[in-house]
Amino acid sequence: MNNSNYSFQNPNNQRAFKMGFRDGIPIGLGYFAVAFSLGVAVKDAGLSWFQGFIASWLCTTSTGEYAVFSLMAAGTTMLEIALVTLIINARYLLMSCAMSQRIDPEMPFWHRFLIAFHLTDELFGITIARPGTLNPYYSYGAFIPAVPGWALGTALGTVVGTILPLWLTSALSVALYGMFLAVFIPPARQNKVVAALIALCFAISYASRHLPLICDLSDGMRIILLTVVLSSAAALLFPRKEEVDAP
């Protein structure tokens, strides 16, 4: 894709944008539901619904935001909050590295910046699952329903979250995990190697919570360690073939 083709007037970009918007709708609905329970943490930290809305708009990470709001409620220093947030969200460095391998070298910097700004687990999943080089307009289309869903869910959860029963907020916090099934089941059905690697990842991830030394690491650090080791081993043993570009 050349620089001249990065205009929204390009039919391929318009088609990619529509596909991204379609794929982002269920993510936005899931984010809206999960963010309700995050709104409770916002209220406990003494923040307003508007502050929670802005925080979720600029930082779309459930684990990171939970940690920040919990530390704020506990009166932790800003330096400690910054360090904890960096460690918890370090997994996005790995996602960015994976995404960089799928980016056209001629893609302008501002497209790269905007794609990276709202990179989340779910948005990364649907984007990396597409064949060929990355079309930024697909990401933009997915952002539109997903990010507002997260921010609005947080704001509304701040207002009414404490009114809802505990069992309901707990159920909402689990709802988003079902969306991951749609990310890894289709490629697992098409490729036995992928299916075996997914099963192996589940097993090792569970075991790591009980292994000496590793179990003492934070969840974020365990994710980073396991991701680097398992993905490196998979890349060496089962190298991926080049794929044709998709709109």
Protein backbone atom coordinates (compact mmCIF):
# COMPACT_ATOMS: atom_id res chain seq x y z
CA MET A 1 0.00 0.00 0.00
CA ASN A 2 1.50 3.35 -1.10
CA ASN A 3 1.16 6.70 0.68
CA SER A 4 -1.36 7.81 -1.92
CA ASN A 5 -3.61 4.94 -0.88
CA TYR A 6 -3.95 6.05 2.75
CA SER A 7 -6.86 8.31 1.95
CA PHE A 8 -10.32 7.45 3.22
CA GLN A 9 -11.58 8.02 -0.31
CA ASN A 10 -9.91 4.78 -1.30
CA PRO A 11 -12.64 2.08 -1.63
CA ASN A 12 -10.41 -0.50 0.07
CA ASN A 13 -10.02 1.77 3.10
CA GLN A 14 -13.76 2.42 3.25
CA ARG A 15 -14.44 -1.30 3.12
CA ALA A 16 -11.84 -1.96 5.84
CA PHE A 17 -13.38 0.78 8.00
CA LYS A 18 -16.85 -0.79 7.72
CA MET A 19 -15.47 -4.23 8.58
CA GLY A 20 -13.65 -2.80 11.61
CA PHE A 21 -16.79 -1.03 12.79
CA ARG A 22 -18.77 -4.26 12.45
CA ASP A 23 -16.16 -6.25 14.40
CA GLY A 24 -15.89 -3.53 17.04
CA ILE A 25 -19.59 -3.50 17.96
CA PRO A 26 -19.55 -6.67 20.12
CA ILE A 27 -16.33 -5.47 21.74
CA GLY A 28 -17.95 -2.14 22.58
CA LEU A 29 -20.96 -3.91 24.11
CA GLY A 30 -18.66 -6.12 26.14
CA TYR A 31 -16.61 -3.15 27.27
CA PHE A 32 -19.74 -1.29 28.31
CA ALA A 33 -20.82 -4.19 30.53
CA VAL A 34 -17.41 -4.82 32.07
CA ALA A 35 -16.77 -1.12 32.76
CA PHE A 36 -19.75 -1.03 35.12
CA SER A 37 -17.70 -2.78 37.79
CA LEU A 38 -14.78 -0.46 37.06
CA GLY A 39 -17.07 2.47 37.82
CA VAL A 40 -17.42 1.18 41.37
CA ALA A 41 -13.62 1.43 41.77
CA VAL A 42 -13.76 4.98 40.40
CA LYS A 43 -16.30 5.95 43.05
CA ASP A 44 -14.25 4.30 45.80
CA ALA A 45 -11.23 6.36 44.69
CA GLY A 46 -13.24 9.55 45.25
CA LEU A 47 -13.42 10.49 41.57
CA SER A 48 -16.43 11.85 39.71
CA TRP A 49 -18.15 10.11 36.82
CA PHE A 50 -16.60 12.63 34.42
CA GLN A 51 -13.10 11.93 35.72
CA GLY A 52 -13.76 8.22 35.33
CA PHE A 53 -15.00 8.81 31.79
CA ILE A 54 -11.85 10.74 30.82
CA ALA A 55 -9.58 8.16 32.49
CA SER A 56 -11.20 5.30 30.59
CA TRP A 57 -11.16 7.22 27.31
CA LEU A 58 -7.42 7.82 27.59
CA CYS A 59 -6.48 4.50 29.20
CA THR A 60 -8.46 1.53 27.90
CA THR A 61 -7.07 -1.17 30.15
CA SER A 62 -9.21 -2.84 32.79
CA THR A 63 -6.36 -4.26 34.90
CA GLY A 64 -4.36 -1.06 34.75
CA GLU A 65 -7.30 1.14 35.69
CA TYR A 66 -8.39 -1.15 38.51
CA ALA A 67 -4.88 -0.97 39.92
CA VAL A 68 -4.69 2.82 39.58
CA PHE A 69 -8.07 3.48 41.21
CA SER A 70 -7.35 0.99 44.01
CA LEU A 71 -3.99 2.61 44.72
CA MET A 72 -5.56 6.07 44.65
CA ALA A 73 -8.15 4.92 47.17
CA ALA A 74 -5.33 3.62 49.37
CA GLY A 75 -3.48 6.96 49.19
CA THR A 76 -0.45 5.62 47.28
CA THR A 77 2.08 8.06 45.83
CA MET A 78 2.01 9.06 42.16
CA LEU A 79 5.41 7.45 41.56
CA GLU A 80 4.22 4.08 42.85
CA ILE A 81 1.06 4.33 40.77
CA ALA A 82 3.12 5.09 37.65
CA LEU A 83 5.47 2.14 38.24
CA VAL A 84 2.64 -0.31 38.90
CA THR A 85 0.78 0.88 35.80
CA LEU A 86 3.93 0.46 33.70
CA ILE A 87 4.44 -3.11 34.89
CA ILE A 88 0.81 -4.14 34.49
CA ASN A 89 0.50 -2.65 31.01
CA ALA A 90 3.89 -3.88 29.79
CA ARG A 91 2.14 -6.63 27.84
CA TYR A 92 1.10 -3.99 25.34
CA LEU A 93 4.75 -3.63 24.38
CA LEU A 94 4.63 -7.21 23.14
CA MET A 95 1.40 -6.58 21.26
CA SER A 96 2.91 -3.50 19.65
CA CYS A 97 5.94 -5.52 18.55
CA ALA A 98 3.65 -8.09 16.96
CA MET A 99 1.61 -5.36 15.27
CA SER A 100 4.75 -3.68 13.93
CA GLN A 101 5.53 -6.80 11.91
CA ARG A 102 2.24 -6.37 10.05
CA ILE A 103 2.59 -2.66 9.25
CA ASP A 104 3.44 -1.40 5.78
CA PRO A 105 6.86 0.35 5.98
CA GLU A 106 5.35 3.27 4.04
CA MET A 107 2.55 3.85 6.55
CA PRO A 108 2.74 7.47 7.84
CA PHE A 109 3.70 7.99 11.48
CA TRP A 110 0.39 9.53 12.52
CA HIS A 111 -1.44 6.37 11.46
CA ARG A 112 0.91 4.28 13.59
CA PHE A 113 0.43 6.64 16.52
CA LEU A 114 -3.37 6.49 16.36
CA ILE A 115 -3.41 2.69 16.05
CA ALA A 116 -1.15 2.33 19.09
CA PHE A 117 -3.08 4.82 21.21
CA HIS A 118 -6.07 2.54 21.80
CA LEU A 119 -4.43 -0.86 21.44
CA THR A 120 -6.24 -3.28 23.76
CA ASP A 121 -6.27 -7.07 24.13
CA GLU A 122 -9.52 -7.49 22.20
CA LEU A 123 -8.75 -4.95 19.48
CA PHE A 124 -5.32 -6.50 19.07
CA GLY A 125 -6.94 -9.92 18.76
CA ILE A 126 -9.29 -9.03 15.93
CA THR A 127 -6.64 -7.00 14.12
CA ILE A 128 -3.80 -9.51 14.26
CA ALA A 129 -6.18 -12.27 13.14
CA ARG A 130 -6.60 -10.57 9.74
CA PRO A 131 -4.30 -11.73 6.95
CA GLY A 132 -1.78 -9.49 5.23
CA THR A 133 -0.55 -6.05 6.18
CA LEU A 134 -2.50 -3.89 8.60
CA ASN A 135 -4.97 -1.38 7.24
CA PRO A 136 -5.25 1.51 9.75
CA TYR A 137 -8.85 2.21 8.76
CA TYR A 138 -9.87 -1.21 10.02
CA SER A 139 -8.53 -0.21 13.45
CA TYR A 140 -10.27 3.17 13.29
CA GLY A 141 -13.57 1.49 12.51
CA ALA A 142 -13.15 -0.86 15.48
CA PHE A 143 -12.23 2.01 17.81
CA ILE A 144 -15.47 3.92 17.21
CA PRO A 145 -17.85 1.51 19.01
CA ALA A 146 -15.26 -0.02 21.37
CA VAL A 147 -13.62 2.95 23.09
CA PRO A 148 -16.81 4.96 23.80
CA GLY A 149 -18.38 1.77 25.12
CA TRP A 150 -15.58 1.46 27.67
CA ALA A 151 -15.67 5.12 28.69
CA LEU A 152 -19.47 5.35 28.90
CA GLY A 153 -19.66 2.10 30.85
CA THR A 154 -17.21 3.47 33.40
CA ALA A 155 -19.13 6.73 33.76
CA LEU A 156 -22.48 5.00 34.16
CA GLY A 157 -20.98 2.45 36.54
CA THR A 158 -19.69 5.30 38.69
CA VAL A 159 -23.22 6.70 38.98
CA VAL A 160 -25.29 3.53 39.46
CA GLY A 161 -22.69 0.81 40.05
CA THR A 162 -23.06 0.89 43.80
CA ILE A 163 -26.81 0.39 43.44
CA LEU A 164 -26.43 -2.89 41.57
CA PRO A 165 -26.13 -6.13 43.57
CA LEU A 166 -22.64 -7.61 43.95
CA TRP A 167 -23.49 -10.78 42.01
CA LEU A 168 -24.52 -8.73 38.99
CA THR A 169 -21.39 -6.56 38.89
CA SER A 170 -19.28 -9.72 39.26
CA ALA A 171 -21.11 -11.32 36.35
CA LEU A 172 -20.55 -8.24 34.21
CA SER A 173 -16.82 -8.33 34.91
CA VAL A 174 -16.62 -11.86 33.52
CA ALA A 175 -18.72 -11.22 30.41
CA LEU A 176 -15.87 -9.93 28.25
CA TYR A 177 -13.86 -13.13 28.53
CA GLY A 178 -16.42 -14.86 26.35
CA MET A 179 -15.38 -12.60 23.50
CA PHE A 180 -11.93 -14.18 23.41
CA LEU A 181 -13.54 -17.40 22.25
CA ALA A 182 -14.41 -15.75 18.95
CA VAL A 183 -10.77 -14.69 18.56
CA PHE A 184 -8.93 -17.99 19.00
CA ILE A 185 -11.49 -20.71 18.21
CA PRO A 186 -11.72 -20.09 14.41
CA PRO A 187 -7.92 -20.27 13.81
CA ALA A 188 -7.70 -23.24 16.20
CA ARG A 189 -10.25 -25.13 14.11
CA GLN A 190 -8.32 -24.41 10.93
CA ASN A 191 -4.85 -25.25 12.24
CA LYS A 192 -4.04 -28.13 14.58
CA VAL A 193 -0.74 -26.53 15.56
CA VAL A 194 -2.55 -23.40 16.73
CA ALA A 195 -5.06 -25.53 18.66
CA ALA A 196 -2.26 -27.43 20.40
CA LEU A 197 -0.42 -24.21 21.26
CA ILE A 198 -3.58 -22.67 22.72
CA ALA A 199 -4.14 -25.73 24.93
CA LEU A 200 -0.47 -25.63 25.97
CA CYS A 201 -0.72 -21.94 26.82
CA PHE A 202 -3.74 -22.55 29.04
CA ALA A 203 -1.98 -25.40 30.85
CA ILE A 204 1.31 -23.56 31.40
CA SER A 205 -0.47 -20.34 32.39
CA TYR A 206 -2.39 -22.23 35.07
CA ALA A 207 0.72 -24.08 36.26
CA SER A 208 2.72 -20.86 36.47
CA ARG A 209 0.49 -19.65 39.30
CA HIS A 210 1.80 -22.51 41.45
CA LEU A 211 5.41 -22.93 40.30
CA PRO A 212 8.19 -21.69 42.61
CA LEU A 213 9.58 -18.22 41.85
CA ILE A 214 7.21 -17.64 38.91
CA CYS A 215 4.17 -17.63 41.19
CA ASP A 216 5.71 -14.72 43.11
CA LEU A 217 5.69 -12.51 40.02
CA SER A 218 2.82 -10.15 39.26
CA ASP A 219 0.15 -11.23 36.78
CA GLY A 220 1.51 -8.80 34.22
CA MET A 221 5.08 -10.06 34.53
CA ARG A 222 3.94 -13.69 34.25
CA ILE A 223 2.01 -12.85 31.09
CA ILE A 224 5.07 -11.16 29.58
CA LEU A 225 7.40 -14.03 30.48
CA LEU A 226 5.09 -16.74 29.19
CA THR A 227 4.27 -14.79 26.04
CA VAL A 228 7.94 -14.29 25.14
CA VAL A 229 8.91 -17.90 25.82
CA LEU A 230 5.93 -19.60 24.19
CA SER A 231 5.69 -17.31 21.16
CA SER A 232 9.45 -17.58 20.54
CA ALA A 233 9.32 -21.36 20.73
CA ALA A 234 6.29 -21.49 18.42
CA ALA A 235 7.96 -19.14 15.91
CA LEU A 236 11.11 -21.27 15.81
CA LEU A 237 9.33 -24.63 15.59
CA PHE A 238 6.40 -23.59 13.39
CA PRO A 239 7.37 -20.53 11.31
CA ARG A 240 4.43 -18.74 9.74
CA LYS A 241 4.18 -18.46 5.96
CA GLU A 242 3.73 -15.12 4.21
CA GLU A 243 0.13 -14.16 3.47
CA VAL A 244 -1.41 -12.01 0.77
CA ASP A 245 -2.67 -8.53 1.64
CA ALA A 246 -6.30 -7.98 2.61
CA PRO A 247 -8.28 -4.74 2.45
